[in-house]
Amino acid sequence: MSNTQTVKPQLLILAAGLGSRYGGVKQMDTVGRNGEAIIDYSVFDAIRSGFGKVVFVVSKAIEKDFRDIYSQRLRGKIDFDFAVQDVSNIPQGIKTHPERVKPWGTGHAIWCAKDKITAPFASVNADDFYGVKAFELMGKFLSTEARADLHGMVGYYLKDSLSEFGTVSRGICSIDDNQLLTAVTEHTKIEAKGDKIISYFEDSEQEIDPLSLTSMNYWGFHPGLFEQLDALLVDFLDKDGMDLKSEFYIPGVVHHLLEKQMIKMKVLSGAGSTFGMTYKEERAYTAQRIDTLIEEGVYPKALW
């Protein structure tokens, strides 16, 4: 009988973001030599790290394009499916603001895939490049250690995850001596300012240690999370569902569950550097970084 020690982990790619700061559909912008997007490198790394399925969380606006492109690229290489994140896709019986257009954040995105995920799974951003080592670390954890009360995350140093072109959103983490996460706090506006790293709030600034651990939204979850996620989403919408800008962030969910001692979160270190495309100007830089990895033999010239 299959169990967490034999079942292949799955990959959930959060690709429904509107990309307001980027100025386009960054999830599909090409950075590889043969038209590959960052997503393609995540899927490629997942396949060679033993993952058995990939689920794309997309918006209605880009669902058809995603289905057309990735059904062709991935057929015969890995099982795949699609989940739609929409502002109206919420638990039944909850009233929200009728003029709300933007989806409810990364926690909501994961919730939208609850019927597509059938095994321990990794959750990643579509526009962040994590590297093969991150997938190897997470794949091993999900297939051998993950359980309903023990999840995982890949950690990166904050200084290695910033953008030269503007502010970024990061979940700042704390860990104990057993490599277990003790807290995670979402900072929605962080940038390097001189030799310091600053987090901006409404009317204040906070300096943050460059060696702070940040999640980069690379999480590893047991499917047992979905029951807890459902209850927390209901609570959130009951409280903030009439707000036009409120968001249900997954780092906030993790922080709550840790605080209530409902879960433990193991931090997986040693993944190396990460980069991405928060802003349009980062596309050329990202393409250059990937081209270097191709020259080093980490990736083939054409993935598919």
C-alpha atoms as a PDB file:
ATOM      1  CA  MET A   1       0.000   0.000   0.000  1.00  0.00           C
ATOM      2  CA  SER A   2       1.236   3.509  -0.838  1.00  0.00           C
ATOM      3  CA  ASN A   3       2.301   5.794   1.973  1.00  0.00           C
ATOM      4  CA  THR A   4       4.338   8.963   2.357  1.00  0.00           C
ATOM      5  CA  GLN A   5       7.518   6.937   1.923  1.00  0.00           C
ATOM      6  CA  THR A   6       6.636   5.620  -1.528  1.00  0.00           C
ATOM      7  CA  VAL A   7       4.209   8.095  -3.101  1.00  0.00           C
ATOM      8  CA  LYS A   8       5.726  10.679  -5.433  1.00  0.00           C
ATOM      9  CA  PRO A   9       5.469  14.279  -4.228  1.00  0.00           C
ATOM     10  CA  GLN A  10       3.535  16.804  -6.267  1.00  0.00           C
ATOM     11  CA  LEU A  11       4.271  20.392  -7.322  1.00  0.00           C
ATOM     12  CA  LEU A  12       1.821  23.276  -7.031  1.00  0.00           C
ATOM     13  CA  ILE A  13       2.774  26.364  -9.056  1.00  0.00           C
ATOM     14  CA  LEU A  14       1.056  29.618  -8.074  1.00  0.00           C
ATOM     15  CA  ALA A  15       0.611  31.379 -11.412  1.00  0.00           C
ATOM     16  CA  ALA A  16      -2.582  33.407 -11.018  1.00  0.00           C
ATOM     17  CA  GLY A  17      -1.002  36.702  -9.903  1.00  0.00           C
ATOM     18  CA  LEU A  18      -1.966  39.839 -11.791  1.00  0.00           C
ATOM     19  CA  GLY A  19       1.632  41.109 -12.031  1.00  0.00           C
ATOM     20  CA  SER A  20       0.752  44.765 -11.431  1.00  0.00           C
ATOM     21  CA  ARG A  21       4.355  45.791 -10.689  1.00  0.00           C
ATOM     22  CA  TYR A  22       5.722  43.744 -13.578  1.00  0.00           C
ATOM     23  CA  GLY A  23       3.395  45.195 -16.207  1.00  0.00           C
ATOM     24  CA  GLY A  24       2.362  41.995 -17.977  1.00  0.00           C
ATOM     25  CA  VAL A  25       1.798  38.260 -17.690  1.00  0.00           C
ATOM     26  CA  LYS A  26       5.219  37.520 -16.201  1.00  0.00           C
ATOM     27  CA  GLN A  27       4.309  33.885 -15.566  1.00  0.00           C
ATOM     28  CA  MET A  28       4.651  33.235 -19.304  1.00  0.00           C
ATOM     29  CA  ASP A  29       7.444  35.648 -20.207  1.00  0.00           C
ATOM     30  CA  THR A  30      10.313  33.813 -21.882  1.00  0.00           C
ATOM     31  CA  VAL A  31      13.780  33.632 -20.325  1.00  0.00           C
ATOM     32  CA  GLY A  32      15.220  30.469 -21.905  1.00  0.00           C
ATOM     33  CA  ARG A  33      16.855  29.973 -25.285  1.00  0.00           C
ATOM     34  CA  ASN A  34      13.842  28.139 -26.712  1.00  0.00           C
ATOM     35  CA  GLY A  35      10.957  30.135 -25.310  1.00  0.00           C
ATOM     36  CA  GLU A  36      11.000  28.644 -21.801  1.00  0.00           C
ATOM     37  CA  ALA A  37       9.548  30.620 -18.895  1.00  0.00           C
ATOM     38  CA  ILE A  38      10.770  30.357 -15.300  1.00  0.00           C
ATOM     39  CA  ILE A  39       7.905  27.894 -14.738  1.00  0.00           C
ATOM     40  CA  ASP A  40       9.481  25.484 -17.213  1.00  0.00           C
ATOM     41  CA  TYR A  41      12.689  25.315 -15.200  1.00  0.00           C
ATOM     42  CA  SER A  42      10.735  24.626 -12.003  1.00  0.00           C
ATOM     43  CA  VAL A  43       8.841  21.782 -13.673  1.00  0.00           C
ATOM     44  CA  PHE A  44      12.030  20.420 -15.258  1.00  0.00           C
ATOM     45  CA  ASP A  45      13.781  20.430 -11.876  1.00  0.00           C
ATOM     46  CA  ALA A  46      10.756  18.799 -10.233  1.00  0.00           C
ATOM     47  CA  ILE A  47      10.699  15.986 -12.790  1.00  0.00           C
ATOM     48  CA  ARG A  48      14.386  15.154 -12.312  1.00  0.00           C
ATOM     49  CA  SER A  49      13.946  15.352  -8.538  1.00  0.00           C
ATOM     50  CA  GLY A  50      11.276  12.642  -8.503  1.00  0.00           C
ATOM     51  CA  PHE A  51       8.022  14.623  -8.452  1.00  0.00           C
ATOM     52  CA  GLY A  52       5.075  12.832 -10.006  1.00  0.00           C
ATOM     53  CA  LYS A  53       2.550  15.576 -10.798  1.00  0.00           C
ATOM     54  CA  VAL A  54       2.354  19.327 -11.336  1.00  0.00           C
ATOM     55  CA  VAL A  55      -0.738  21.483 -10.746  1.00  0.00           C
ATOM     56  CA  PHE A  56      -0.891  25.036 -12.101  1.00  0.00           C
ATOM     57  CA  VAL A  57      -3.031  27.566 -10.230  1.00  0.00           C
ATOM     58  CA  VAL A  58      -4.039  30.132 -12.859  1.00  0.00           C
ATOM     59  CA  SER A  59      -6.538  32.929 -13.371  1.00  0.00           C
ATOM     60  CA  LYS A  60      -9.444  32.649 -15.782  1.00  0.00           C
ATOM     61  CA  ALA A  61      -7.757  35.195 -18.055  1.00  0.00           C
ATOM     62  CA  ILE A  62      -4.719  33.007 -18.741  1.00  0.00           C
ATOM     63  CA  GLU A  63      -6.191  29.538 -18.210  1.00  0.00           C
ATOM     64  CA  LYS A  64      -6.591  28.741 -21.910  1.00  0.00           C
ATOM     65  CA  ASP A  65      -3.057  29.843 -22.786  1.00  0.00           C
ATOM     66  CA  PHE A  66      -1.635  27.768 -19.934  1.00  0.00           C
ATOM     67  CA  ARG A  67      -3.597  24.704 -20.933  1.00  0.00           C
ATOM     68  CA  ASP A  68      -2.572  25.022 -24.586  1.00  0.00           C
ATOM     69  CA  ILE A  69       1.116  25.531 -23.860  1.00  0.00           C
ATOM     70  CA  TYR A  70       1.740  23.097 -21.021  1.00  0.00           C
ATOM     71  CA  SER A  71      -0.537  20.337 -22.235  1.00  0.00           C
ATOM     72  CA  GLN A  72       1.705  20.197 -25.285  1.00  0.00           C
ATOM     73  CA  ARG A  73       5.018  20.569 -23.454  1.00  0.00           C
ATOM     74  CA  LEU A  74       4.373  18.171 -20.577  1.00  0.00           C
ATOM     75  CA  ARG A  75       2.273  15.376 -22.041  1.00  0.00           C
ATOM     76  CA  GLY A  76       4.114  12.112 -21.525  1.00  0.00           C
ATOM     77  CA  LYS A  77       6.684  13.702 -19.195  1.00  0.00           C
ATOM     78  CA  ILE A  78       4.695  14.212 -15.964  1.00  0.00           C
ATOM     79  CA  ASP A  79       1.060  14.167 -14.871  1.00  0.00           C
ATOM     80  CA  PHE A  80      -0.417  17.671 -14.826  1.00  0.00           C
ATOM     81  CA  ASP A  81      -3.620  19.516 -13.997  1.00  0.00           C
ATOM     82  CA  PHE A  82      -4.962  23.050 -13.626  1.00  0.00           C
ATOM     83  CA  ALA A  83      -6.866  24.884 -10.889  1.00  0.00           C
ATOM     84  CA  VAL A  84      -8.471  28.306 -11.303  1.00  0.00           C
ATOM     85  CA  GLN A  85      -8.062  31.007  -8.671  1.00  0.00           C
ATOM     86  CA  ASP A  86     -10.922  33.465  -8.922  1.00  0.00           C
ATOM     87  CA  VAL A  87     -12.310  35.986  -6.468  1.00  0.00           C
ATOM     88  CA  SER A  88     -15.620  34.102  -6.494  1.00  0.00           C
ATOM     89  CA  ASN A  89     -14.012  30.704  -5.784  1.00  0.00           C
ATOM     90  CA  ILE A  90     -14.464  30.679  -2.011  1.00  0.00           C
ATOM     91  CA  PRO A  91     -16.207  28.493   0.593  1.00  0.00           C
ATOM     92  CA  GLN A  92     -19.985  28.471   0.220  1.00  0.00           C
ATOM     93  CA  GLY A  93     -22.234  30.807   2.141  1.00  0.00           C
ATOM     94  CA  ILE A  94     -19.772  33.696   2.582  1.00  0.00           C
ATOM     95  CA  LYS A  95     -20.589  37.213   1.415  1.00  0.00           C
ATOM     96  CA  THR A  96     -17.793  39.388   0.035  1.00  0.00           C
ATOM     97  CA  HIS A  97     -17.588  42.847  -1.499  1.00  0.00           C
ATOM     98  CA  PRO A  98     -19.315  42.744  -4.922  1.00  0.00           C
ATOM     99  CA  GLU A  99     -16.692  45.085  -6.418  1.00  0.00           C
ATOM    100  CA  ARG A 100     -13.712  42.994  -5.331  1.00  0.00           C
ATOM    101  CA  VAL A 101     -11.698  41.945  -8.410  1.00  0.00           C
ATOM    102  CA  LYS A 102      -8.336  40.780  -7.067  1.00  0.00           C
ATOM    103  CA  PRO A 103      -8.071  37.184  -5.749  1.00  0.00           C
ATOM    104  CA  TRP A 104      -7.449  36.669  -2.050  1.00  0.00           C
ATOM    105  CA  GLY A 105      -3.697  35.919  -1.995  1.00  0.00           C
ATOM    106  CA  THR A 106      -1.373  32.930  -1.852  1.00  0.00           C
ATOM    107  CA  GLY A 107      -3.272  31.105   0.892  1.00  0.00           C
ATOM    108  CA  HIS A 108      -6.402  31.293  -1.226  1.00  0.00           C
ATOM    109  CA  ALA A 109      -4.453  30.121  -4.284  1.00  0.00           C
ATOM    110  CA  ILE A 110      -3.382  26.946  -2.489  1.00  0.00           C
ATOM    111  CA  TRP A 111      -6.931  26.417  -1.208  1.00  0.00           C
ATOM    112  CA  CYS A 112      -8.216  26.596  -4.804  1.00  0.00           C
ATOM    113  CA  ALA A 113      -6.119  23.512  -5.655  1.00  0.00           C
ATOM    114  CA  LYS A 114      -7.439  21.370  -2.804  1.00  0.00           C
ATOM    115  CA  ASP A 115      -9.290  18.986  -5.139  1.00  0.00           C
ATOM    116  CA  LYS A 116      -6.289  18.540  -7.451  1.00  0.00           C
ATOM    117  CA  ILE A 117      -3.600  17.616  -4.906  1.00  0.00           C
ATOM    118  CA  THR A 118      -3.478  13.995  -3.734  1.00  0.00           C
ATOM    119  CA  ALA A 119      -0.040  13.677  -2.077  1.00  0.00           C
ATOM    120  CA  PRO A 120       2.501  15.718  -0.105  1.00  0.00           C
ATOM    121  CA  PHE A 121       3.260  18.731  -2.277  1.00  0.00           C
ATOM    122  CA  ALA A 122       5.587  21.652  -2.805  1.00  0.00           C
ATOM    123  CA  SER A 123       4.119  25.103  -3.415  1.00  0.00           C
ATOM    124  CA  VAL A 124       6.172  27.639  -5.410  1.00  0.00           C
ATOM    125  CA  ASN A 125       5.776  31.010  -7.086  1.00  0.00           C
ATOM    126  CA  ALA A 126       5.577  31.016 -10.871  1.00  0.00           C
ATOM    127  CA  ASP A 127       7.948  33.952 -11.227  1.00  0.00           C
ATOM    128  CA  ASP A 128      10.752  32.807  -8.901  1.00  0.00           C
ATOM    129  CA  PHE A 129      13.708  30.639  -9.937  1.00  0.00           C
ATOM    130  CA  TYR A 130      14.614  28.266  -7.110  1.00  0.00           C
ATOM    131  CA  GLY A 131      17.251  25.946  -8.569  1.00  0.00           C
ATOM    132  CA  VAL A 132      17.461  22.154  -8.782  1.00  0.00           C
ATOM    133  CA  LYS A 133      18.956  21.748  -5.300  1.00  0.00           C
ATOM    134  CA  ALA A 134      15.801  23.222  -3.777  1.00  0.00           C
ATOM    135  CA  PHE A 135      13.665  20.638  -5.539  1.00  0.00           C
ATOM    136  CA  GLU A 136      15.969  17.803  -4.525  1.00  0.00           C
ATOM    137  CA  LEU A 137      15.805  18.880  -0.879  1.00  0.00           C
ATOM    138  CA  MET A 138      12.045  19.308  -0.913  1.00  0.00           C
ATOM    139  CA  GLY A 139      11.379  16.152  -2.911  1.00  0.00           C
ATOM    140  CA  LYS A 140      13.289  14.069  -0.372  1.00  0.00           C
ATOM    141  CA  PHE A 141      11.515  15.715   2.560  1.00  0.00           C
ATOM    142  CA  LEU A 142       8.045  15.273   1.085  1.00  0.00           C
ATOM    143  CA  SER A 143       8.596  11.625   0.196  1.00  0.00           C
ATOM    144  CA  THR A 144      10.169  10.579   3.501  1.00  0.00           C
ATOM    145  CA  GLU A 145       9.260  12.970   6.328  1.00  0.00           C
ATOM    146  CA  ALA A 146       6.144  15.040   5.646  1.00  0.00           C
ATOM    147  CA  ARG A 147       3.084  14.272   7.733  1.00  0.00           C
ATOM    148  CA  ALA A 148      -0.101  16.053   8.778  1.00  0.00           C
ATOM    149  CA  ASP A 149       1.670  17.872  11.615  1.00  0.00           C
ATOM    150  CA  LEU A 150       5.097  18.305   9.965  1.00  0.00           C
ATOM    151  CA  HIS A 151       5.598  20.462   6.889  1.00  0.00           C
ATOM    152  CA  GLY A 152       8.710  22.004   5.337  1.00  0.00           C
ATOM    153  CA  MET A 153      10.117  25.082   3.665  1.00  0.00           C
ATOM    154  CA  VAL A 154      13.226  25.969   1.664  1.00  0.00           C
ATOM    155  CA  GLY A 155      15.025  28.923   3.217  1.00  0.00           C
ATOM    156  CA  TYR A 156      17.118  31.605   1.510  1.00  0.00           C
ATOM    157  CA  TYR A 157      19.056  34.514   2.984  1.00  0.00           C
ATOM    158  CA  LEU A 158      17.197  37.802   2.552  1.00  0.00           C
ATOM    159  CA  LYS A 159      20.223  39.520   1.013  1.00  0.00           C
ATOM    160  CA  ASP A 160      20.222  36.943  -1.793  1.00  0.00           C
ATOM    161  CA  SER A 161      16.559  37.431  -2.668  1.00  0.00           C
ATOM    162  CA  LEU A 162      16.140  41.170  -3.301  1.00  0.00           C
ATOM    163  CA  SER A 163      15.565  43.088  -6.517  1.00  0.00           C
ATOM    164  CA  GLU A 164      17.662  45.962  -7.838  1.00  0.00           C
ATOM    165  CA  PHE A 165      14.592  47.442  -9.493  1.00  0.00           C
ATOM    166  CA  GLY A 166      12.160  48.009  -6.611  1.00  0.00           C
ATOM    167  CA  THR A 167      10.600  46.627  -3.468  1.00  0.00           C
ATOM    168  CA  VAL A 168       9.646  42.979  -2.953  1.00  0.00           C
ATOM    169  CA  SER A 169       7.387  40.998  -0.623  1.00  0.00           C
ATOM    170  CA  ARG A 170       9.052  38.459   1.668  1.00  0.00           C
ATOM    171  CA  GLY A 171       8.144  36.247   4.605  1.00  0.00           C
ATOM    172  CA  ILE A 172      10.829  36.718   7.279  1.00  0.00           C
ATOM    173  CA  CYS A 173      11.416  33.572   9.333  1.00  0.00           C
ATOM    174  CA  SER A 174      12.907  32.515  12.664  1.00  0.00           C
ATOM    175  CA  ILE A 175      14.131  28.965  13.454  1.00  0.00           C
ATOM    176  CA  ASP A 176      15.204  27.027  16.549  1.00  0.00           C
ATOM    177  CA  ASP A 177      18.196  24.745  17.119  1.00  0.00           C
ATOM    178  CA  ASN A 178      16.331  21.807  15.559  1.00  0.00           C
ATOM    179  CA  GLN A 179      15.858  23.659  12.259  1.00  0.00           C
ATOM    180  CA  LEU A 180      12.160  24.077  13.009  1.00  0.00           C
ATOM    181  CA  LEU A 181      10.436  27.311  12.083  1.00  0.00           C
ATOM    182  CA  THR A 182       9.255  29.292  15.093  1.00  0.00           C
ATOM    183  CA  ALA A 183       7.695  32.310  13.363  1.00  0.00           C
ATOM    184  CA  VAL A 184       7.136  33.881   9.933  1.00  0.00           C
ATOM    185  CA  THR A 185       6.145  37.481   9.323  1.00  0.00           C
ATOM    186  CA  GLU A 186       5.049  38.845   5.963  1.00  0.00           C
ATOM    187  CA  HIS A 187       6.748  42.053   4.852  1.00  0.00           C
ATOM    188  CA  THR A 188       5.123  43.431   1.709  1.00  0.00           C
ATOM    189  CA  LYS A 189       7.615  46.200   0.870  1.00  0.00           C
ATOM    190  CA  ILE A 190      11.339  45.451   1.308  1.00  0.00           C
ATOM    191  CA  GLU A 191      14.357  46.906  -0.489  1.00  0.00           C
ATOM    192  CA  ALA A 192      18.085  47.469  -0.109  1.00  0.00           C
ATOM    193  CA  LYS A 193      18.851  51.080   0.842  1.00  0.00           C
ATOM    194  CA  GLY A 194      22.571  51.760   0.884  1.00  0.00           C
ATOM    195  CA  ASP A 195      24.163  49.066   3.024  1.00  0.00           C
ATOM    196  CA  LYS A 196      20.915  48.356   4.862  1.00  0.00           C
ATOM    197  CA  ILE A 197      17.749  46.408   4.113  1.00  0.00           C
ATOM    198  CA  ILE A 198      14.561  48.301   4.939  1.00  0.00           C
ATOM    199  CA  SER A 199      10.968  47.109   5.325  1.00  0.00           C
ATOM    200  CA  TYR A 200       8.381  49.845   4.788  1.00  0.00           C
ATOM    201  CA  PHE A 201       5.055  50.000   6.587  1.00  0.00           C
ATOM    202  CA  GLU A 202       2.319  52.613   6.242  1.00  0.00           C
ATOM    203  CA  ASP A 203       4.151  55.428   8.017  1.00  0.00           C
ATOM    204  CA  SER A 204       7.301  53.781   9.313  1.00  0.00           C
ATOM    205  CA  GLU A 205      10.472  51.908   8.385  1.00  0.00           C
ATOM    206  CA  GLN A 206      12.186  48.890   9.946  1.00  0.00           C
ATOM    207  CA  GLU A 207      15.745  47.701   9.355  1.00  0.00           C
ATOM    208  CA  ILE A 208      16.063  43.943   8.788  1.00  0.00           C
ATOM    209  CA  ASP A 209      19.129  41.712   9.147  1.00  0.00           C
ATOM    210  CA  PRO A 210      20.491  40.774   5.671  1.00  0.00           C
ATOM    211  CA  LEU A 211      21.031  37.203   6.953  1.00  0.00           C
ATOM    212  CA  SER A 212      17.403  36.834   7.956  1.00  0.00           C
ATOM    213  CA  LEU A 213      15.866  33.682   6.561  1.00  0.00           C
ATOM    214  CA  THR A 214      13.118  34.224   4.027  1.00  0.00           C
ATOM    215  CA  SER A 215      10.703  31.640   2.705  1.00  0.00           C
ATOM    216  CA  MET A 216      10.402  32.843  -0.915  1.00  0.00           C
ATOM    217  CA  ASN A 217       7.084  30.993  -0.773  1.00  0.00           C
ATOM    218  CA  TYR A 218       8.772  27.628  -1.369  1.00  0.00           C
ATOM    219  CA  TRP A 219       6.704  25.521   1.013  1.00  0.00           C
ATOM    220  CA  GLY A 220       6.254  21.781   1.373  1.00  0.00           C
ATOM    221  CA  PHE A 221       2.914  20.621   2.752  1.00  0.00           C
ATOM    222  CA  HIS A 222       1.151  17.421   3.682  1.00  0.00           C
ATOM    223  CA  PRO A 223      -2.429  17.400   2.276  1.00  0.00           C
ATOM    224  CA  GLY A 224      -3.652  17.499   5.866  1.00  0.00           C
ATOM    225  CA  LEU A 225      -3.100  21.257   5.574  1.00  0.00           C
ATOM    226  CA  PHE A 226      -6.258  21.713   3.503  1.00  0.00           C
ATOM    227  CA  GLU A 227      -8.678  21.122   6.368  1.00  0.00           C
ATOM    228  CA  GLN A 228      -6.922  23.756   8.463  1.00  0.00           C
ATOM    229  CA  LEU A 229      -6.624  26.089   5.476  1.00  0.00           C
ATOM    230  CA  ASP A 230     -10.351  25.849   4.806  1.00  0.00           C
ATOM    231  CA  ALA A 231     -11.240  26.836   8.360  1.00  0.00           C
ATOM    232  CA  LEU A 232      -8.789  29.751   8.367  1.00  0.00           C
ATOM    233  CA  LEU A 233     -10.018  31.031   4.992  1.00  0.00           C
ATOM    234  CA  VAL A 234     -13.590  31.047   6.284  1.00  0.00           C
ATOM    235  CA  ASP A 235     -12.490  33.031   9.347  1.00  0.00           C
ATOM    236  CA  PHE A 236     -10.543  35.470   7.181  1.00  0.00           C
ATOM    237  CA  LEU A 237     -13.430  36.106   4.789  1.00  0.00           C
ATOM    238  CA  ASP A 238     -15.900  36.511   7.626  1.00  0.00           C
ATOM    239  CA  LYS A 239     -13.669  39.248   9.001  1.00  0.00           C
ATOM    240  CA  ASP A 240     -12.175  40.862   5.897  1.00  0.00           C
ATOM    241  CA  GLY A 241     -14.350  39.718   3.005  1.00  0.00           C
ATOM    242  CA  MET A 242     -15.775  43.210   2.482  1.00  0.00           C
ATOM    243  CA  ASP A 243     -12.300  44.727   2.137  1.00  0.00           C
ATOM    244  CA  LEU A 244     -11.228  45.442  -1.438  1.00  0.00           C
ATOM    245  CA  LYS A 245      -7.501  44.963  -0.733  1.00  0.00           C
ATOM    246  CA  SER A 246      -7.171  42.393   2.087  1.00  0.00           C
ATOM    247  CA  GLU A 247      -5.088  39.277   1.306  1.00  0.00           C
ATOM    248  CA  PHE A 248      -4.904  35.786   2.782  1.00  0.00           C
ATOM    249  CA  TYR A 249      -1.146  35.121   2.704  1.00  0.00           C
ATOM    250  CA  ILE A 250       0.223  31.613   3.226  1.00  0.00           C
ATOM    251  CA  PRO A 251       3.025  32.885   5.531  1.00  0.00           C
ATOM    252  CA  GLY A 252       0.288  34.251   7.782  1.00  0.00           C
ATOM    253  CA  VAL A 253      -1.423  30.858   7.763  1.00  0.00           C
ATOM    254  CA  VAL A 254       1.822  29.110   8.704  1.00  0.00           C
ATOM    255  CA  HIS A 255       2.497  31.639  11.459  1.00  0.00           C
ATOM    256  CA  HIS A 256      -0.976  31.093  12.931  1.00  0.00           C
ATOM    257  CA  LEU A 257      -0.690  27.294  12.885  1.00  0.00           C
ATOM    258  CA  LEU A 258       2.756  27.455  14.473  1.00  0.00           C
ATOM    259  CA  GLU A 259       1.545  29.857  17.139  1.00  0.00           C
ATOM    260  CA  LYS A 260      -1.344  27.524  17.981  1.00  0.00           C
ATOM    261  CA  GLN A 261       1.117  24.587  18.030  1.00  0.00           C
ATOM    262  CA  MET A 262      -0.970  22.763  15.426  1.00  0.00           C
ATOM    263  CA  ILE A 263       2.005  22.060  13.134  1.00  0.00           C
ATOM    264  CA  LYS A 264       5.792  22.038  12.956  1.00  0.00           C
ATOM    265  CA  MET A 265       7.743  23.395   9.985  1.00  0.00           C
ATOM    266  CA  LYS A 266      11.194  22.041   9.122  1.00  0.00           C
ATOM    267  CA  VAL A 267      13.542  24.465   7.367  1.00  0.00           C
ATOM    268  CA  LEU A 268      15.544  22.933   4.507  1.00  0.00           C
ATOM    269  CA  SER A 269      18.834  24.758   4.008  1.00  0.00           C
ATOM    270  CA  GLY A 270      21.551  24.526   1.372  1.00  0.00           C
ATOM    271  CA  ALA A 271      19.473  25.371  -1.682  1.00  0.00           C
ATOM    272  CA  GLY A 272      21.786  28.120  -2.937  1.00  0.00           C
ATOM    273  CA  SER A 273      20.667  31.351  -4.588  1.00  0.00           C
ATOM    274  CA  THR A 274      17.305  32.398  -5.956  1.00  0.00           C
ATOM    275  CA  PHE A 275      16.138  35.102  -8.338  1.00  0.00           C
ATOM    276  CA  GLY A 276      12.965  36.091 -10.121  1.00  0.00           C
ATOM    277  CA  MET A 277      10.952  38.631 -12.030  1.00  0.00           C
ATOM    278  CA  THR A 278       9.011  40.974  -9.809  1.00  0.00           C
ATOM    279  CA  TYR A 279       9.714  43.782 -12.277  1.00  0.00           C
ATOM    280  CA  LYS A 280       9.896  43.921 -16.084  1.00  0.00           C
ATOM    281  CA  GLU A 281      13.501  45.130 -15.919  1.00  0.00           C
ATOM    282  CA  GLU A 282      14.557  41.832 -14.323  1.00  0.00           C
ATOM    283  CA  ARG A 283      13.743  39.745 -17.376  1.00  0.00           C
ATOM    284  CA  ALA A 284      17.111  40.363 -19.081  1.00  0.00           C
ATOM    285  CA  TYR A 285      18.998  39.655 -15.851  1.00  0.00           C
ATOM    286  CA  THR A 286      17.061  36.435 -15.293  1.00  0.00           C
ATOM    287  CA  ALA A 287      17.660  35.296 -18.874  1.00  0.00           C
ATOM    288  CA  GLN A 288      21.387  35.959 -18.438  1.00  0.00           C
ATOM    289  CA  ARG A 289      21.528  33.945 -15.207  1.00  0.00           C
ATOM    290  CA  ILE A 290      19.768  31.008 -16.854  1.00  0.00           C
ATOM    291  CA  ASP A 291      22.032  31.240 -19.898  1.00  0.00           C
ATOM    292  CA  THR A 292      25.026  30.920 -17.578  1.00  0.00           C
ATOM    293  CA  LEU A 293      23.502  27.815 -15.996  1.00  0.00           C
ATOM    294  CA  ILE A 294      23.038  26.345 -19.478  1.00  0.00           C
ATOM    295  CA  GLU A 295      26.703  27.000 -20.279  1.00  0.00           C
ATOM    296  CA  GLU A 296      27.655  25.312 -16.992  1.00  0.00           C
ATOM    297  CA  GLY A 297      25.671  22.227 -17.986  1.00  0.00           C
ATOM    298  CA  VAL A 298      23.032  22.549 -15.284  1.00  0.00           C
ATOM    299  CA  TYR A 299      20.291  22.740 -17.944  1.00  0.00           C
ATOM    300  CA  PRO A 300      20.102  21.657 -21.575  1.00  0.00           C
ATOM    301  CA  LYS A 301      19.757  24.311 -24.250  1.00  0.00           C
ATOM    302  CA  ALA A 302      16.154  23.185 -24.838  1.00  0.00           C
ATOM    303  CA  LEU A 303      14.185  21.748 -21.908  1.00  0.00           C
ATOM    304  CA  TRP A 304      11.408  20.008 -23.843  1.00  0.00           C
END
